[in-house]
Amino acid sequence: MHTDPPGGDAPTEGWELVDRVFRCLADADRRAILNVFLEISETEELTVNQVALQAQLPRTCTSRHLRVLRHAGLLTIRRAGTRSWHALRPDGFDGVDDWLLPFVSRGAVLHPLATGRADY
């Protein structure tokens, strides 16, 4: 069964977005950073130092990962003076949601704790 790429009319536009997001999620440090943003309110913004402290990562490493996450469309940045404030982008996962939804609705994607499996 062929499915159209999520988002956009261009043949590769939606797939490029999904690929970019999954490449970001493949890195454990970037997942840890995204988890930091899940633990705060949707409107809250964090500096690099705040993210690094909460994710328990070096600042330079955190800066690099934040840049990758921004380029993937998962985070926004607001500059104020010498500080950069980062926030989770509400629509950043839309293309991925569109792609995953058919699998989730069929019960194909389950959380490891729900299945009792830890080998995911």
PDB file of N, CA and C in Angstrom:
ATOM      1  N   MET A   1       0.838  -1.175   0.000  1.00  0.00           N
ATOM      2  CA  MET A   1       0.000   0.000   0.000  1.00  0.00           C
ATOM      3  C   MET A   1       0.882   1.237   0.000  1.00  0.00           C
ATOM      4  N   HIS A   2       0.636   2.124  -0.935  1.00  0.00           N
ATOM      5  CA  HIS A   2       1.407   3.351  -1.047  1.00  0.00           C
ATOM      6  C   HIS A   2       0.702   4.454  -0.276  1.00  0.00           C
ATOM      7  N   THR A   3       1.465   5.218   0.478  1.00  0.00           N
ATOM      8  CA  THR A   3       0.874   6.357   1.173  1.00  0.00           C
ATOM      9  C   THR A   3       1.596   7.615   0.736  1.00  0.00           C
ATOM     10  N   ASP A   4       0.864   8.694   0.653  1.00  0.00           N
ATOM     11  CA  ASP A   4       1.458   9.973   0.302  1.00  0.00           C
ATOM     12  C   ASP A   4       2.282  10.469   1.481  1.00  0.00           C
ATOM     13  N   PRO A   5       3.329  11.230   1.196  1.00  0.00           N
ATOM     14  CA  PRO A   5       4.127  11.752   2.296  1.00  0.00           C
ATOM     15  C   PRO A   5       3.306  12.710   3.136  1.00  0.00           C
ATOM     16  N   PRO A   6       3.539  12.712   4.440  1.00  0.00           N
ATOM     17  CA  PRO A   6       2.807  13.627   5.297  1.00  0.00           C
ATOM     18  C   PRO A   6       3.203  15.068   5.024  1.00  0.00           C
ATOM     19  N   GLY A   7       2.229  15.956   5.029  1.00  0.00           N
ATOM     20  CA  GLY A   7       2.492  17.384   4.852  1.00  0.00           C
ATOM     21  C   GLY A   7       2.969  17.730   3.467  1.00  0.00           C
ATOM     22  N   GLY A   8       2.621  18.884   2.979  1.00  0.00           N
ATOM     23  CA  GLY A   8       3.125  19.411   1.723  1.00  0.00           C
ATOM     24  C   GLY A   8       2.760  18.594   0.501  1.00  0.00           C
ATOM     25  N   ASP A   9       2.765  19.259  -0.664  1.00  0.00           N
ATOM     26  CA  ASP A   9       2.448  18.604  -1.916  1.00  0.00           C
ATOM     27  C   ASP A   9       3.684  18.066  -2.623  1.00  0.00           C
ATOM     28  N   ALA A  10       4.848  18.618  -2.312  1.00  0.00           N
ATOM     29  CA  ALA A  10       6.069  18.154  -2.962  1.00  0.00           C
ATOM     30  C   ALA A  10       6.317  16.705  -2.558  1.00  0.00           C
ATOM     31  N   PRO A  11       6.721  15.862  -3.503  1.00  0.00           N
ATOM     32  CA  PRO A  11       6.867  14.431  -3.225  1.00  0.00           C
ATOM     33  C   PRO A  11       7.766  14.099  -2.043  1.00  0.00           C
ATOM     34  N   THR A  12       8.841  14.841  -1.857  1.00  0.00           N
ATOM     35  CA  THR A  12       9.776  14.479  -0.787  1.00  0.00           C
ATOM     36  C   THR A  12       9.686  15.395   0.418  1.00  0.00           C
ATOM     37  N   GLU A  13       8.938  16.468   0.329  1.00  0.00           N
ATOM     38  CA  GLU A  13       8.894  17.445   1.411  1.00  0.00           C
ATOM     39  C   GLU A  13       8.482  16.822   2.744  1.00  0.00           C
ATOM     40  N   GLY A  14       7.382  16.073   2.751  1.00  0.00           N
ATOM     41  CA  GLY A  14       6.904  15.456   3.980  1.00  0.00           C
ATOM     42  C   GLY A  14       7.844  14.395   4.495  1.00  0.00           C
ATOM     43  N   TRP A  15       8.379  13.581   3.586  1.00  0.00           N
ATOM     44  CA  TRP A  15       9.289  12.516   4.012  1.00  0.00           C
ATOM     45  C   TRP A  15      10.595  13.076   4.541  1.00  0.00           C
ATOM     46  N   GLU A  16      11.067  14.161   3.952  1.00  0.00           N
ATOM     47  CA  GLU A  16      12.297  14.778   4.457  1.00  0.00           C
ATOM     48  C   GLU A  16      12.099  15.253   5.891  1.00  0.00           C
ATOM     49  N   LEU A  17      10.924  15.806   6.174  1.00  0.00           N
ATOM     50  CA  LEU A  17      10.617  16.244   7.535  1.00  0.00           C
ATOM     51  C   LEU A  17      10.615  15.058   8.488  1.00  0.00           C
ATOM     52  N   VAL A  18       9.925  13.995   8.125  1.00  0.00           N
ATOM     53  CA  VAL A  18       9.854  12.804   8.977  1.00  0.00           C
ATOM     54  C   VAL A  18      11.249  12.221   9.182  1.00  0.00           C
ATOM     55  N   ASP A  19      12.027  12.115   8.105  1.00  0.00           N
ATOM     56  CA  ASP A  19      13.392  11.589   8.216  1.00  0.00           C
ATOM     57  C   ASP A  19      14.239  12.450   9.143  1.00  0.00           C
ATOM     58  N   ARG A  20      14.134  13.765   9.013  1.00  0.00           N
ATOM     59  CA  ARG A  20      14.918  14.682   9.836  1.00  0.00           C
ATOM     60  C   ARG A  20      14.559  14.512  11.315  1.00  0.00           C
ATOM     61  N   VAL A  21      13.272  14.399  11.606  1.00  0.00           N
ATOM     62  CA  VAL A  21      12.841  14.236  12.998  1.00  0.00           C
ATOM     63  C   VAL A  21      13.332  12.904  13.559  1.00  0.00           C
ATOM     64  N   PHE A  22      13.182  11.822  12.793  1.00  0.00           N
ATOM     65  CA  PHE A  22      13.641  10.524  13.287  1.00  0.00           C
ATOM     66  C   PHE A  22      15.156  10.489  13.467  1.00  0.00           C
ATOM     67  N   ARG A  23      15.912  11.170  12.595  1.00  0.00           N
ATOM     68  CA  ARG A  23      17.366  11.252  12.792  1.00  0.00           C
ATOM     69  C   ARG A  23      17.676  11.977  14.108  1.00  0.00           C
ATOM     70  N   CYS A  24      16.907  13.010  14.401  1.00  0.00           N
ATOM     71  CA  CYS A  24      17.098  13.722  15.678  1.00  0.00           C
ATOM     72  C   CYS A  24      16.796  12.814  16.860  1.00  0.00           C
ATOM     73  N   LEU A  25      15.711  12.076  16.753  1.00  0.00           N
ATOM     74  CA  LEU A  25      15.285  11.222  17.858  1.00  0.00           C
ATOM     75  C   LEU A  25      16.190  10.009  18.048  1.00  0.00           C
ATOM     76  N   ALA A  26      17.013   9.706  17.068  1.00  0.00           N
ATOM     77  CA  ALA A  26      17.916   8.561  17.175  1.00  0.00           C
ATOM     78  C   ALA A  26      19.035   8.814  18.186  1.00  0.00           C
ATOM     79  N   ASP A  27      19.253  10.061  18.547  1.00  0.00           N
ATOM     80  CA  ASP A  27      20.324  10.410  19.477  1.00  0.00           C
ATOM     81  C   ASP A  27      19.778  10.510  20.901  1.00  0.00           C
ATOM     82  N   ALA A  28      20.370   9.778  21.823  1.00  0.00           N
ATOM     83  CA  ALA A  28      19.891   9.739  23.212  1.00  0.00           C
ATOM     84  C   ALA A  28      19.980  11.104  23.894  1.00  0.00           C
ATOM     85  N   ASP A  29      21.036  11.873  23.611  1.00  0.00           N
ATOM     86  CA  ASP A  29      21.164  13.194  24.227  1.00  0.00           C
ATOM     87  C   ASP A  29      20.053  14.126  23.757  1.00  0.00           C
ATOM     88  N   ARG A  30      19.698  14.058  22.479  1.00  0.00           N
ATOM     89  CA  ARG A  30      18.615  14.913  21.980  1.00  0.00           C
ATOM     90  C   ARG A  30      17.268  14.492  22.562  1.00  0.00           C
ATOM     91  N   ARG A  31      17.082  13.194  22.757  1.00  0.00           N
ATOM     92  CA  ARG A  31      15.846  12.740  23.414  1.00  0.00           C
ATOM     93  C   ARG A  31      15.796  13.258  24.853  1.00  0.00           C
ATOM     94  N   ALA A  32      16.934  13.258  25.527  1.00  0.00           N
ATOM     95  CA  ALA A  32      16.994  13.776  26.903  1.00  0.00           C
ATOM     96  C   ALA A  32      16.646  15.264  26.919  1.00  0.00           C
ATOM     97  N   ILE A  33      17.127  16.002  25.942  1.00  0.00           N
ATOM     98  CA  ILE A  33      16.821  17.433  25.853  1.00  0.00           C
ATOM     99  C   ILE A  33      15.330  17.635  25.600  1.00  0.00           C
ATOM    100  N   LEU A  34      14.757  16.871  24.699  1.00  0.00           N
ATOM    101  CA  LEU A  34      13.323  16.996  24.433  1.00  0.00           C
ATOM    102  C   LEU A  34      12.509  16.653  25.679  1.00  0.00           C
ATOM    103  N   ASN A  35      12.966  15.682  26.452  1.00  0.00           N
ATOM    104  CA  ASN A  35      12.277  15.334  27.695  1.00  0.00           C
ATOM    105  C   ASN A  35      12.291  16.496  28.687  1.00  0.00           C
ATOM    106  N   VAL A  36      13.365  17.272  28.686  1.00  0.00           N
ATOM    107  CA  VAL A  36      13.427  18.455  29.557  1.00  0.00           C
ATOM    108  C   VAL A  36      12.277  19.404  29.205  1.00  0.00           C
ATOM    109  N   PHE A  37      12.034  19.582  27.913  1.00  0.00           N
ATOM    110  CA  PHE A  37      10.967  20.487  27.494  1.00  0.00           C
ATOM    111  C   PHE A  37       9.583  19.918  27.798  1.00  0.00           C
ATOM    112  N   LEU A  38       9.461  18.606  27.869  1.00  0.00           N
ATOM    113  CA  LEU A  38       8.182  18.003  28.231  1.00  0.00           C
ATOM    114  C   LEU A  38       7.843  18.216  29.701  1.00  0.00           C
ATOM    115  N   GLU A  39       8.862  18.445  30.518  1.00  0.00           N
ATOM    116  CA  GLU A  39       8.668  18.587  31.957  1.00  0.00           C
ATOM    117  C   GLU A  39       8.291  20.003  32.376  1.00  0.00           C
ATOM    118  N   ILE A  40       8.312  20.953  31.432  1.00  0.00           N
ATOM    119  CA  ILE A  40       7.967  22.340  31.759  1.00  0.00           C
ATOM    120  C   ILE A  40       6.645  22.693  31.086  1.00  0.00           C
ATOM    121  N   SER A  41       6.117  23.859  31.393  1.00  0.00           N
ATOM    122  CA  SER A  41       4.858  24.274  30.772  1.00  0.00           C
ATOM    123  C   SER A  41       5.083  24.531  29.284  1.00  0.00           C
ATOM    124  N   GLU A  42       4.012  24.460  28.525  1.00  0.00           N
ATOM    125  CA  GLU A  42       4.111  24.607  27.070  1.00  0.00           C
ATOM    126  C   GLU A  42       4.623  25.974  26.644  1.00  0.00           C
ATOM    127  N   THR A  43       4.434  26.985  27.465  1.00  0.00           N
ATOM    128  CA  THR A  43       4.841  28.338  27.104  1.00  0.00           C
ATOM    129  C   THR A  43       6.198  28.736  27.679  1.00  0.00           C
ATOM    130  N   GLU A  44       6.766  27.897  28.508  1.00  0.00           N
ATOM    131  CA  GLU A  44       8.041  28.221  29.150  1.00  0.00           C
ATOM    132  C   GLU A  44       9.197  28.073  28.178  1.00  0.00           C
ATOM    133  N   GLU A  45      10.179  28.951  28.316  1.00  0.00           N
ATOM    134  CA  GLU A  45      11.386  28.916  27.504  1.00  0.00           C
ATOM    135  C   GLU A  45      12.589  28.676  28.420  1.00  0.00           C
ATOM    136  N   LEU A  46      13.620  28.047  27.865  1.00  0.00           N
ATOM    137  CA  LEU A  46      14.818  27.743  28.644  1.00  0.00           C
ATOM    138  C   LEU A  46      16.060  28.223  27.911  1.00  0.00           C
ATOM    139  N   THR A  47      17.072  28.625  28.683  1.00  0.00           N
ATOM    140  CA  THR A  47      18.363  28.965  28.110  1.00  0.00           C
ATOM    141  C   THR A  47      19.180  27.692  27.910  1.00  0.00           C
ATOM    142  N   VAL A  48      20.266  27.798  27.191  1.00  0.00           N
ATOM    143  CA  VAL A  48      21.154  26.660  26.987  1.00  0.00           C
ATOM    144  C   VAL A  48      21.628  26.116  28.329  1.00  0.00           C
ATOM    145  N   ASN A  49      22.008  27.019  29.227  1.00  0.00           N
ATOM    146  CA  ASN A  49      22.497  26.585  30.538  1.00  0.00           C
ATOM    147  C   ASN A  49      21.434  25.823  31.315  1.00  0.00           C
ATOM    148  N   GLN A  50      20.196  26.286  31.274  1.00  0.00           N
ATOM    149  CA  GLN A  50      19.115  25.604  31.977  1.00  0.00           C
ATOM    150  C   GLN A  50      18.878  24.204  31.402  1.00  0.00           C
ATOM    151  N   VAL A  51      18.891  24.108  30.082  1.00  0.00           N
ATOM    152  CA  VAL A  51      18.693  22.811  29.435  1.00  0.00           C
ATOM    153  C   VAL A  51      19.848  21.878  29.781  1.00  0.00           C
ATOM    154  N   ALA A  52      21.069  22.380  29.691  1.00  0.00           N
ATOM    155  CA  ALA A  52      22.247  21.567  29.983  1.00  0.00           C
ATOM    156  C   ALA A  52      22.206  21.029  31.412  1.00  0.00           C
ATOM    157  N   LEU A  53      21.823  21.888  32.346  1.00  0.00           N
ATOM    158  CA  LEU A  53      21.756  21.479  33.743  1.00  0.00           C
ATOM    159  C   LEU A  53      20.697  20.390  33.947  1.00  0.00           C
ATOM    160  N   GLN A  54      19.519  20.606  33.396  1.00  0.00           N
ATOM    161  CA  GLN A  54      18.430  19.645  33.592  1.00  0.00           C
ATOM    162  C   GLN A  54      18.656  18.339  32.832  1.00  0.00           C
ATOM    163  N   ALA A  55      19.296  18.420  31.661  1.00  0.00           N
ATOM    164  CA  ALA A  55      19.563  17.207  30.876  1.00  0.00           C
ATOM    165  C   ALA A  55      20.857  16.530  31.318  1.00  0.00           C
ATOM    166  N   GLN A  56      21.595  17.181  32.202  1.00  0.00           N
ATOM    167  CA  GLN A  56      22.876  16.680  32.698  1.00  0.00           C
ATOM    168  C   GLN A  56      23.854  16.422  31.553  1.00  0.00           C
ATOM    169  N   LEU A  57      23.986  17.450  30.693  1.00  0.00           N
ATOM    170  CA  LEU A  57      24.893  17.391  29.553  1.00  0.00           C
ATOM    171  C   LEU A  57      25.822  18.599  29.590  1.00  0.00           C
ATOM    172  N   PRO A  58      27.009  18.483  28.992  1.00  0.00           N
ATOM    173  CA  PRO A  58      27.887  19.651  28.897  1.00  0.00           C
ATOM    174  C   PRO A  58      27.226  20.744  28.056  1.00  0.00           C
ATOM    175  N   ARG A  59      27.526  21.989  28.373  1.00  0.00           N
ATOM    176  CA  ARG A  59      26.907  23.117  27.683  1.00  0.00           C
ATOM    177  C   ARG A  59      27.198  23.100  26.185  1.00  0.00           C
ATOM    178  N   THR A  60      28.439  22.830  25.805  1.00  0.00           N
ATOM    179  CA  THR A  60      28.781  22.834  24.372  1.00  0.00           C
ATOM    180  C   THR A  60      28.019  21.755  23.615  1.00  0.00           C
ATOM    181  N   CYS A  61      27.896  20.602  24.227  1.00  0.00           N
ATOM    182  CA  CYS A  61      27.137  19.504  23.634  1.00  0.00           C
ATOM    183  C   CYS A  61      25.660  19.903  23.513  1.00  0.00           C
ATOM    184  N   THR A  62      25.136  20.520  24.550  1.00  0.00           N
ATOM    185  CA  THR A  62      23.737  20.948  24.560  1.00  0.00           C
ATOM    186  C   THR A  62      23.482  21.979  23.466  1.00  0.00           C
ATOM    187  N   SER A  63      24.378  22.932  23.316  1.00  0.00           N
ATOM    188  CA  SER A  63      24.224  23.955  22.273  1.00  0.00           C
ATOM    189  C   SER A  63      24.140  23.319  20.889  1.00  0.00           C
ATOM    190  N   ARG A  64      25.007  22.368  20.636  1.00  0.00           N
ATOM    191  CA  ARG A  64      25.021  21.691  19.340  1.00  0.00           C
ATOM    192  C   ARG A  64      23.709  20.931  19.106  1.00  0.00           C
ATOM    193  N   HIS A  65      23.256  20.225  20.123  1.00  0.00           N
ATOM    194  CA  HIS A  65      22.014  19.460  19.981  1.00  0.00           C
ATOM    195  C   HIS A  65      20.795  20.375  19.829  1.00  0.00           C
ATOM    196  N   LEU A  66      20.788  21.501  20.537  1.00  0.00           N
ATOM    197  CA  LEU A  66      19.689  22.450  20.388  1.00  0.00           C
ATOM    198  C   LEU A  66      19.632  22.986  18.953  1.00  0.00           C
ATOM    199  N   ARG A  67      20.776  23.242  18.372  1.00  0.00           N
ATOM    200  CA  ARG A  67      20.834  23.718  16.985  1.00  0.00           C
ATOM    201  C   ARG A  67      20.247  22.673  16.036  1.00  0.00           C
ATOM    202  N   VAL A  68      20.610  21.411  16.225  1.00  0.00           N
ATOM    203  CA  VAL A  68      20.077  20.334  15.381  1.00  0.00           C
ATOM    204  C   VAL A  68      18.562  20.226  15.552  1.00  0.00           C
ATOM    205  N   LEU A  69      18.092  20.311  16.781  1.00  0.00           N
ATOM    206  CA  LEU A  69      16.650  20.229  17.055  1.00  0.00           C
ATOM    207  C   LEU A  69      15.895  21.419  16.446  1.00  0.00           C
ATOM    208  N   ARG A  70      16.505  22.600  16.456  1.00  0.00           N
ATOM    209  CA  ARG A  70      15.886  23.768  15.812  1.00  0.00           C
ATOM    210  C   ARG A  70      15.796  23.570  14.310  1.00  0.00           C
ATOM    211  N   HIS A  71      16.889  23.090  13.706  1.00  0.00           N
ATOM    212  CA  HIS A  71      16.904  22.881  12.251  1.00  0.00           C
ATOM    213  C   HIS A  71      15.918  21.805  11.820  1.00  0.00           C
ATOM    214  N   ALA A  72      15.608  20.890  12.709  1.00  0.00           N
ATOM    215  CA  ALA A  72      14.620  19.849  12.412  1.00  0.00           C
ATOM    216  C   ALA A  72      13.194  20.366  12.625  1.00  0.00           C
ATOM    217  N   GLY A  73      13.066  21.582  13.155  1.00  0.00           N
ATOM    218  CA  GLY A  73      11.755  22.169  13.364  1.00  0.00           C
ATOM    219  C   GLY A  73      11.084  21.758  14.667  1.00  0.00           C
ATOM    220  N   LEU A  74      11.856  21.194  15.593  1.00  0.00           N
ATOM    221  CA  LEU A  74      11.268  20.729  16.852  1.00  0.00           C
ATOM    222  C   LEU A  74      11.319  21.771  17.967  1.00  0.00           C
ATOM    223  N   LEU A  75      12.200  22.746  17.828  1.00  0.00           N
ATOM    224  CA  LEU A  75      12.330  23.808  18.827  1.00  0.00           C
ATOM    225  C   LEU A  75      12.298  25.168  18.148  1.00  0.00           C
ATOM    226  N   THR A  76      11.938  26.177  18.920  1.00  0.00           N
ATOM    227  CA  THR A  76      12.036  27.559  18.456  1.00  0.00           C
ATOM    228  C   THR A  76      13.111  28.246  19.281  1.00  0.00           C
ATOM    229  N   ILE A  77      13.566  29.376  18.776  1.00  0.00           N
ATOM    230  CA  ILE A  77      14.550  30.163  19.515  1.00  0.00           C
ATOM    231  C   ILE A  77      14.115  31.618  19.496  1.00  0.00           C
ATOM    232  N   ARG A  78      14.316  32.274  20.626  1.00  0.00           N
ATOM    233  CA  ARG A  78      14.060  33.714  20.742  1.00  0.00           C
ATOM    234  C   ARG A  78      15.297  34.326  21.371  1.00  0.00           C
ATOM    235  N   ARG A  79      15.872  35.266  20.685  1.00  0.00           N
ATOM    236  CA  ARG A  79      17.072  35.914  21.211  1.00  0.00           C
ATOM    237  C   ARG A  79      16.675  37.200  21.930  1.00  0.00           C
ATOM    238  N   ALA A  80      17.246  37.379  23.118  1.00  0.00           N
ATOM    239  CA  ALA A  80      17.010  38.579  23.920  1.00  0.00           C
ATOM    240  C   ALA A  80      18.346  39.000  24.506  1.00  0.00           C
ATOM    241  N   GLY A  81      18.920  40.030  23.934  1.00  0.00           N
ATOM    242  CA  GLY A  81      20.243  40.462  24.374  1.00  0.00           C
ATOM    243  C   GLY A  81      21.273  39.392  24.056  1.00  0.00           C
ATOM    244  N   THR A  82      21.991  38.962  25.080  1.00  0.00           N
ATOM    245  CA  THR A  82      23.021  37.939  24.880  1.00  0.00           C
ATOM    246  C   THR A  82      22.495  36.529  25.114  1.00  0.00           C
ATOM    247  N   ARG A  83      21.242  36.422  25.472  1.00  0.00           N
ATOM    248  CA  ARG A  83      20.669  35.090  25.771  1.00  0.00           C
ATOM    249  C   ARG A  83      19.792  34.589  24.624  1.00  0.00           C
ATOM    250  N   SER A  84      19.771  33.281  24.520  1.00  0.00           N
ATOM    251  CA  SER A  84      18.885  32.609  23.573  1.00  0.00           C
ATOM    252  C   SER A  84      17.919  31.753  24.377  1.00  0.00           C
ATOM    253  N   TRP A  85      16.637  31.942  24.111  1.00  0.00           N
ATOM    254  CA  TRP A  85      15.592  31.204  24.822  1.00  0.00           C
ATOM    255  C   TRP A  85      14.991  30.182  23.869  1.00  0.00           C
ATOM    256  N   HIS A  86      14.924  28.948  24.322  1.00  0.00           N
ATOM    257  CA  HIS A  86      14.442  27.840  23.495  1.00  0.00           C
ATOM    258  C   HIS A  86      13.122  27.314  24.034  1.00  0.00           C
ATOM    259  N   ALA A  87      12.259  26.883  23.111  1.00  0.00           N
ATOM    260  CA  ALA A  87      10.969  26.319  23.502  1.00  0.00           C
ATOM    261  C   ALA A  87      10.603  25.215  22.524  1.00  0.00           C
ATOM    262  N   LEU A  88       9.805  24.292  22.997  1.00  0.00           N
ATOM    263  CA  LEU A  88       9.293  23.215  22.153  1.00  0.00           C
ATOM    264  C   LEU A  88       8.347  23.826  21.121  1.00  0.00           C
ATOM    265  N   ARG A  89       8.492  23.435  19.885  1.00  0.00           N
ATOM    266  CA  ARG A  89       7.622  23.950  18.821  1.00  0.00           C
ATOM    267  C   ARG A  89       6.369  23.073  18.768  1.00  0.00           C
ATOM    268  N   PRO A  90       5.198  23.643  19.006  1.00  0.00           N
ATOM    269  CA  PRO A  90       3.973  22.846  19.099  1.00  0.00           C
ATOM    270  C   PRO A  90       3.689  21.987  17.868  1.00  0.00           C
ATOM    271  N   ASP A  91       4.007  22.480  16.688  1.00  0.00           N
ATOM    272  CA  ASP A  91       3.701  21.730  15.467  1.00  0.00           C
ATOM    273  C   ASP A  91       4.900  20.951  14.938  1.00  0.00           C
ATOM    274  N   GLY A  92       5.954  20.865  15.712  1.00  0.00           N
ATOM    275  CA  GLY A  92       7.187  20.233  15.252  1.00  0.00           C
ATOM    276  C   GLY A  92       7.076  18.757  14.916  1.00  0.00           C
ATOM    277  N   PHE A  93       6.121  18.086  15.525  1.00  0.00           N
ATOM    278  CA  PHE A  93       5.973  16.645  15.305  1.00  0.00           C
ATOM    279  C   PHE A  93       4.787  16.306  14.402  1.00  0.00           C
ATOM    280  N   ASP A  94       4.168  17.307  13.795  1.00  0.00           N
ATOM    281  CA  ASP A  94       2.962  17.076  12.994  1.00  0.00           C
ATOM    282  C   ASP A  94       3.157  16.040  11.886  1.00  0.00           C
ATOM    283  N   GLY A  95       4.217  16.160  11.108  1.00  0.00           N
ATOM    284  CA  GLY A  95       4.452  15.197  10.030  1.00  0.00           C
ATOM    285  C   GLY A  95       4.672  13.795  10.548  1.00  0.00           C
ATOM    286  N   VAL A  96       5.352  13.690  11.675  1.00  0.00           N
ATOM    287  CA  VAL A  96       5.608  12.386  12.286  1.00  0.00           C
ATOM    288  C   VAL A  96       4.296  11.804  12.810  1.00  0.00           C
ATOM    289  N   ASP A  97       3.483  12.652  13.430  1.00  0.00           N
ATOM    290  CA  ASP A  97       2.163  12.208  13.900  1.00  0.00           C
ATOM    291  C   ASP A  97       1.351  11.640  12.738  1.00  0.00           C
ATOM    292  N   ASP A  98       1.353  12.360  11.614  1.00  0.00           N
ATOM    293  CA  ASP A  98       0.597  11.911  10.436  1.00  0.00           C
ATOM    294  C   ASP A  98       1.076  10.543   9.974  1.00  0.00           C
ATOM    295  N   TRP A  99       2.378  10.314  10.047  1.00  0.00           N
ATOM    296  CA  TRP A  99       2.934   9.044   9.584  1.00  0.00           C
ATOM    297  C   TRP A  99       2.672   7.926  10.592  1.00  0.00           C
ATOM    298  N   LEU A 100       2.792   8.227  11.889  1.00  0.00           N
ATOM    299  CA  LEU A 100       2.636   7.205  12.927  1.00  0.00           C
ATOM    300  C   LEU A 100       1.181   6.850  13.232  1.00  0.00           C
ATOM    301  N   LEU A 101       0.268   7.782  13.033  1.00  0.00           N
ATOM    302  CA  LEU A 101      -1.125   7.578  13.425  1.00  0.00           C
ATOM    303  C   LEU A 101      -1.733   6.279  12.900  1.00  0.00           C
ATOM    304  N   PRO A 102      -1.549   5.906  11.623  1.00  0.00           N
ATOM    305  CA  PRO A 102      -2.123   4.637  11.169  1.00  0.00           C
ATOM    306  C   PRO A 102      -1.587   3.430  11.946  1.00  0.00           C
ATOM    307  N   PHE A 103      -0.322   3.473  12.353  1.00  0.00           N
ATOM    308  CA  PHE A 103       0.261   2.374  13.119  1.00  0.00           C
ATOM    309  C   PHE A 103      -0.305   2.343  14.531  1.00  0.00           C
ATOM    310  N   VAL A 104      -0.423   3.524  15.134  1.00  0.00           N
ATOM    311  CA  VAL A 104      -0.957   3.614  16.490  1.00  0.00           C
ATOM    312  C   VAL A 104      -2.411   3.143  16.513  1.00  0.00           C
ATOM    313  N   SER A 105      -3.184   3.558  15.515  1.00  0.00           N
ATOM    314  CA  SER A 105      -4.597   3.179  15.493  1.00  0.00           C
ATOM    315  C   SER A 105      -4.779   1.672  15.319  1.00  0.00           C
ATOM    316  N   ARG A 106      -3.788   1.002  14.768  1.00  0.00           N
ATOM    317  CA  ARG A 106      -3.853  -0.458  14.621  1.00  0.00           C
ATOM    318  C   ARG A 106      -3.205  -1.177  15.791  1.00  0.00           C
ATOM    319  N   GLY A 107      -2.728  -0.424  16.763  1.00  0.00           N
ATOM    320  CA  GLY A 107      -2.110  -1.032  17.937  1.00  0.00           C
ATOM    321  C   GLY A 107      -0.693  -1.509  17.696  1.00  0.00           C
ATOM    322  N   ALA A 108      -0.091  -1.077  16.585  1.00  0.00           N
ATOM    323  CA  ALA A 108       1.253  -1.544  16.243  1.00  0.00           C
ATOM    324  C   ALA A 108       2.332  -0.849  17.058  1.00  0.00           C
ATOM    325  N   VAL A 109       2.060   0.333  17.541  1.00  0.00           N
ATOM    326  CA  VAL A 109       3.056   1.077  18.307  1.00  0.00           C
ATOM    327  C   VAL A 109       2.581   1.139  19.742  1.00  0.00           C
ATOM    328  N   LEU A 110       3.259   0.428  20.597  1.00  0.00           N
ATOM    329  CA  LEU A 110       2.894   0.395  22.000  1.00  0.00           C
ATOM    330  C   LEU A 110       4.092   0.758  22.852  1.00  0.00           C
ATOM    331  N   HIS A 111       3.828   1.386  23.943  1.00  0.00           N
ATOM    332  CA  HIS A 111       4.884   1.724  24.881  1.00  0.00           C
ATOM    333  C   HIS A 111       5.428   0.427  25.488  1.00  0.00           C
ATOM    334  N   PRO A 112       6.755   0.318  25.663  1.00  0.00           N
ATOM    335  CA  PRO A 112       7.338  -0.914  26.213  1.00  0.00           C
ATOM    336  C   PRO A 112       6.736  -1.332  27.553  1.00  0.00           C
ATOM    337  N   LEU A 113       6.381  -0.373  28.403  1.00  0.00           N
ATOM    338  CA  LEU A 113       5.803  -0.735  29.699  1.00  0.00           C
ATOM    339  C   LEU A 113       4.414  -1.351  29.534  1.00  0.00           C
ATOM    340  N   ALA A 114       3.711  -0.926  28.493  1.00  0.00           N
ATOM    341  CA  ALA A 114       2.372  -1.463  28.257  1.00  0.00           C
ATOM    342  C   ALA A 114       2.435  -2.913  27.782  1.00  0.00           C
ATOM    343  N   THR A 115       3.531  -3.265  27.110  1.00  0.00           N
ATOM    344  CA  THR A 115       3.662  -4.619  26.595  1.00  0.00           C
ATOM    345  C   THR A 115       4.459  -5.525  27.525  1.00  0.00           C
ATOM    346  N   GLY A 116       5.104  -4.901  28.537  1.00  0.00           N
ATOM    347  CA  GLY A 116       5.935  -5.682  29.434  1.00  0.00           C
ATOM    348  C   GLY A 116       7.306  -5.993  28.825  1.00  0.00           C
ATOM    349  N   ARG A 117       7.597  -5.395  27.665  1.00  0.00           N
ATOM    350  CA  ARG A 117       8.880  -5.631  27.010  1.00  0.00           C
ATOM    351  C   ARG A 117       9.785  -4.423  27.240  1.00  0.00           C
ATOM    352  N   ALA A 118      11.015  -4.687  27.551  1.00  0.00           N
ATOM    353  CA  ALA A 118      11.978  -3.603  27.746  1.00  0.00           C
ATOM    354  C   ALA A 118      13.026  -3.613  26.644  1.00  0.00           C
ATOM    355  N   ASP A 119      12.842  -4.439  25.613  1.00  0.00           N
ATOM    356  CA  ASP A 119      13.867  -4.568  24.567  1.00  0.00           C
ATOM    357  C   ASP A 119      13.570  -3.722  23.348  1.00  0.00           C
ATOM    358  N   TYR A 120      12.751  -2.703  23.476  1.00  0.00           N
ATOM    359  CA  TYR A 120      12.443  -1.807  22.360  1.00  0.00           C
ATOM    360  C   TYR A 120      13.632  -0.993  22.005  1.00  0.00           C
TER     361      TYR A 120
END
